[in-house]
C-alpha atoms as a PDB file:
ATOM      1  CA  UNK A   1     -15.534 -19.140  -3.409  1.00  0.00           C
ATOM      2  CA  UNK A   2     -15.523 -15.113  -1.532  1.00  0.00           C
ATOM      3  CA  UNK A   3     -16.597 -12.071  -3.602  1.00  0.00           C
ATOM      4  CA  UNK A   4     -14.360  -9.253  -2.784  1.00  0.00           C
ATOM      5  CA  UNK A   5     -14.612  -5.615  -2.111  1.00  0.00           C
ATOM      6  CA  UNK A   6     -11.644  -3.430  -4.157  1.00  0.00           C
ATOM      7  CA  UNK A   7     -10.676   0.595  -4.566  1.00  0.00           C
ATOM      8  CA  UNK A   8      -9.361   1.620  -7.106  1.00  0.00           C
ATOM      9  CA  UNK A   9      -6.878   5.012  -7.520  1.00  0.00           C
ATOM     10  CA  UNK A  10      -6.154   6.457 -10.291  1.00  0.00           C
ATOM     11  CA  UNK A  11      -3.856   9.559 -10.950  1.00  0.00           C
ATOM     12  CA  UNK A  12      -5.124  12.388 -12.136  1.00  0.00           C
ATOM     13  CA  UNK A  13      -8.401  11.902 -13.318  1.00  0.00           C
ATOM     14  CA  UNK A  14     -11.263  13.362 -14.936  1.00  0.00           C
ATOM     15  CA  UNK A  15     -14.985  12.856 -14.870  1.00  0.00           C
ATOM     16  CA  UNK A  16     -14.691  10.872 -17.968  1.00  0.00           C
ATOM     17  CA  UNK A  17     -11.521   8.875 -16.562  1.00  0.00           C
ATOM     18  CA  UNK A  18     -14.064   7.725 -13.704  1.00  0.00           C
ATOM     19  CA  UNK A  19     -16.993   7.035 -16.057  1.00  0.00           C
ATOM     20  CA  UNK A  20     -14.987   4.645 -18.069  1.00  0.00           C
ATOM     21  CA  UNK A  21     -13.953   3.100 -15.235  1.00  0.00           C
ATOM     22  CA  UNK A  22     -17.262   2.562 -14.037  1.00  0.00           C
ATOM     23  CA  UNK A  23     -18.235   0.581 -17.115  1.00  0.00           C
ATOM     24  CA  UNK A  24     -14.438  -1.137 -17.472  1.00  0.00           C
ATOM     25  CA  UNK A  25     -15.643  -2.528 -13.834  1.00  0.00           C
ATOM     26  CA  UNK A  26     -19.448  -3.504 -14.676  1.00  0.00           C
ATOM     27  CA  UNK A  27     -17.824  -5.535 -18.013  1.00  0.00           C
ATOM     28  CA  UNK A  28     -16.186  -7.282 -15.082  1.00  0.00           C
ATOM     29  CA  UNK A  29     -18.871  -8.038 -12.576  1.00  0.00           C
ATOM     30  CA  UNK A  30     -17.641  -5.260  -9.909  1.00  0.00           C
ATOM     31  CA  UNK A  31     -20.331  -2.575  -9.094  1.00  0.00           C
ATOM     32  CA  UNK A  32     -19.724   0.644  -6.913  1.00  0.00           C
ATOM     33  CA  UNK A  33     -19.881   0.124  -3.597  1.00  0.00           C
ATOM     34  CA  UNK A  34     -20.733   3.674  -2.585  1.00  0.00           C
ATOM     35  CA  UNK A  35     -22.980   5.275  -4.976  1.00  0.00           C
ATOM     36  CA  UNK A  36     -21.661   8.813  -4.811  1.00  0.00           C
ATOM     37  CA  UNK A  37     -21.488  11.500  -7.666  1.00  0.00           C
ATOM     38  CA  UNK A  38     -18.627  11.108 -10.568  1.00  0.00           C
ATOM     39  CA  UNK A  39     -17.884  14.465  -8.896  1.00  0.00           C
ATOM     40  CA  UNK A  40     -17.496  12.850  -4.911  1.00  0.00           C
ATOM     41  CA  UNK A  41     -15.307  10.133  -6.723  1.00  0.00           C
ATOM     42  CA  UNK A  42     -13.360  12.498  -8.216  1.00  0.00           C
ATOM     43  CA  UNK A  43     -12.905  14.435  -4.965  1.00  0.00           C
ATOM     44  CA  UNK A  44     -11.845  11.745  -3.237  1.00  0.00           C
ATOM     45  CA  UNK A  45      -9.297  10.020  -5.486  1.00  0.00           C
ATOM     46  CA  UNK A  46     -10.505   6.890  -4.865  1.00  0.00           C
ATOM     47  CA  UNK A  47     -13.815   4.324  -5.820  1.00  0.00           C
ATOM     48  CA  UNK A  48     -14.976   1.372  -4.125  1.00  0.00           C
ATOM     49  CA  UNK A  49     -16.745  -1.890  -5.652  1.00  0.00           C
ATOM     50  CA  UNK A  50     -17.379  -4.659  -4.252  1.00  0.00           C
ATOM     51  CA  UNK A  51     -17.821  -8.247  -6.837  1.00  0.00           C
ATOM     52  CA  UNK A  52     -21.347  -9.315  -7.789  1.00  0.00           C
ATOM     53  CA  UNK A  53     -20.210 -12.738  -8.633  1.00  0.00           C
ATOM     54  CA  UNK A  54     -17.842 -15.458  -6.594  1.00  0.00           C
ATOM     55  CA  UNK A  55     -14.230 -15.508  -7.989  1.00  0.00           C
ATOM     56  CA  UNK A  56     -10.621 -16.388  -6.618  1.00  0.00           C
ATOM     57  CA  UNK A  57      -8.574 -13.521  -5.263  1.00  0.00           C
ATOM     58  CA  UNK A  58      -5.984 -13.930  -8.255  1.00  0.00           C
ATOM     59  CA  UNK A  59      -9.066 -13.956 -10.751  1.00  0.00           C
ATOM     60  CA  UNK A  60     -10.644 -10.666  -9.086  1.00  0.00           C
ATOM     61  CA  UNK A  61      -7.157  -8.937  -9.086  1.00  0.00           C
ATOM     62  CA  UNK A  62      -6.457  -9.299 -13.117  1.00  0.00           C
ATOM     63  CA  UNK A  63     -10.051  -8.200 -13.313  1.00  0.00           C
ATOM     64  CA  UNK A  64      -9.624  -4.884 -11.615  1.00  0.00           C
ATOM     65  CA  UNK A  65      -6.299  -4.458 -13.132  1.00  0.00           C
ATOM     66  CA  UNK A  66      -7.372  -4.779 -16.391  1.00  0.00           C
ATOM     67  CA  UNK A  67     -10.434  -2.348 -15.898  1.00  0.00           C
ATOM     68  CA  UNK A  68      -8.286   0.013 -14.315  1.00  0.00           C
ATOM     69  CA  UNK A  69      -5.614   0.017 -16.888  1.00  0.00           C
ATOM     70  CA  UNK A  70      -7.984   0.272 -19.954  1.00  0.00           C
ATOM     71  CA  UNK A  71      -8.180   4.095 -18.764  1.00  0.00           C
ATOM     72  CA  UNK A  72      -5.359   4.692 -19.862  1.00  0.00           C
ATOM     73  CA  UNK A  73      -4.146   6.873 -16.720  1.00  0.00           C
ATOM     74  CA  UNK A  74      -1.951   5.554 -13.806  1.00  0.00           C
ATOM     75  CA  UNK A  75      -3.290   3.818 -11.256  1.00  0.00           C
ATOM     76  CA  UNK A  76      -3.181   1.682  -7.979  1.00  0.00           C
ATOM     77  CA  UNK A  77      -5.682  -1.065  -6.396  1.00  0.00           C
ATOM     78  CA  UNK A  78      -6.281  -2.970  -3.453  1.00  0.00           C
ATOM     79  CA  UNK A  79      -8.491  -6.037  -3.386  1.00  0.00           C
ATOM     80  CA  UNK A  80     -10.188  -7.223   0.121  1.00  0.00           C
ATOM     81  CA  UNK A  81     -12.408 -10.452   1.154  1.00  0.00           C
ATOM     82  CA  UNK A  82     -16.100  -9.123   1.378  1.00  0.00           C
ATOM     83  CA  UNK A  83     -17.165  -9.938   5.019  1.00  0.00           C
ATOM     84  CA  UNK A  84     -20.199 -11.582   4.000  1.00  0.00           C
END
């Protein structure tokens, strides 16, 4: 199974929201793709993650959705297959 890259957008996110998302994503086996500062992540409007384990597309999508919804903000995300 492939690894995935995802981009998560949180609407009106604060630094605390981004921290919460980062922790939730880490629990679901995703790490930050680009280790920018939290301030830069909030300013850019989306955060990119890469999966640390191999999973199916549906599993990866479910994990991202659960992590993003745990923050309590409106969100959107994309999931793409990583080109390894």
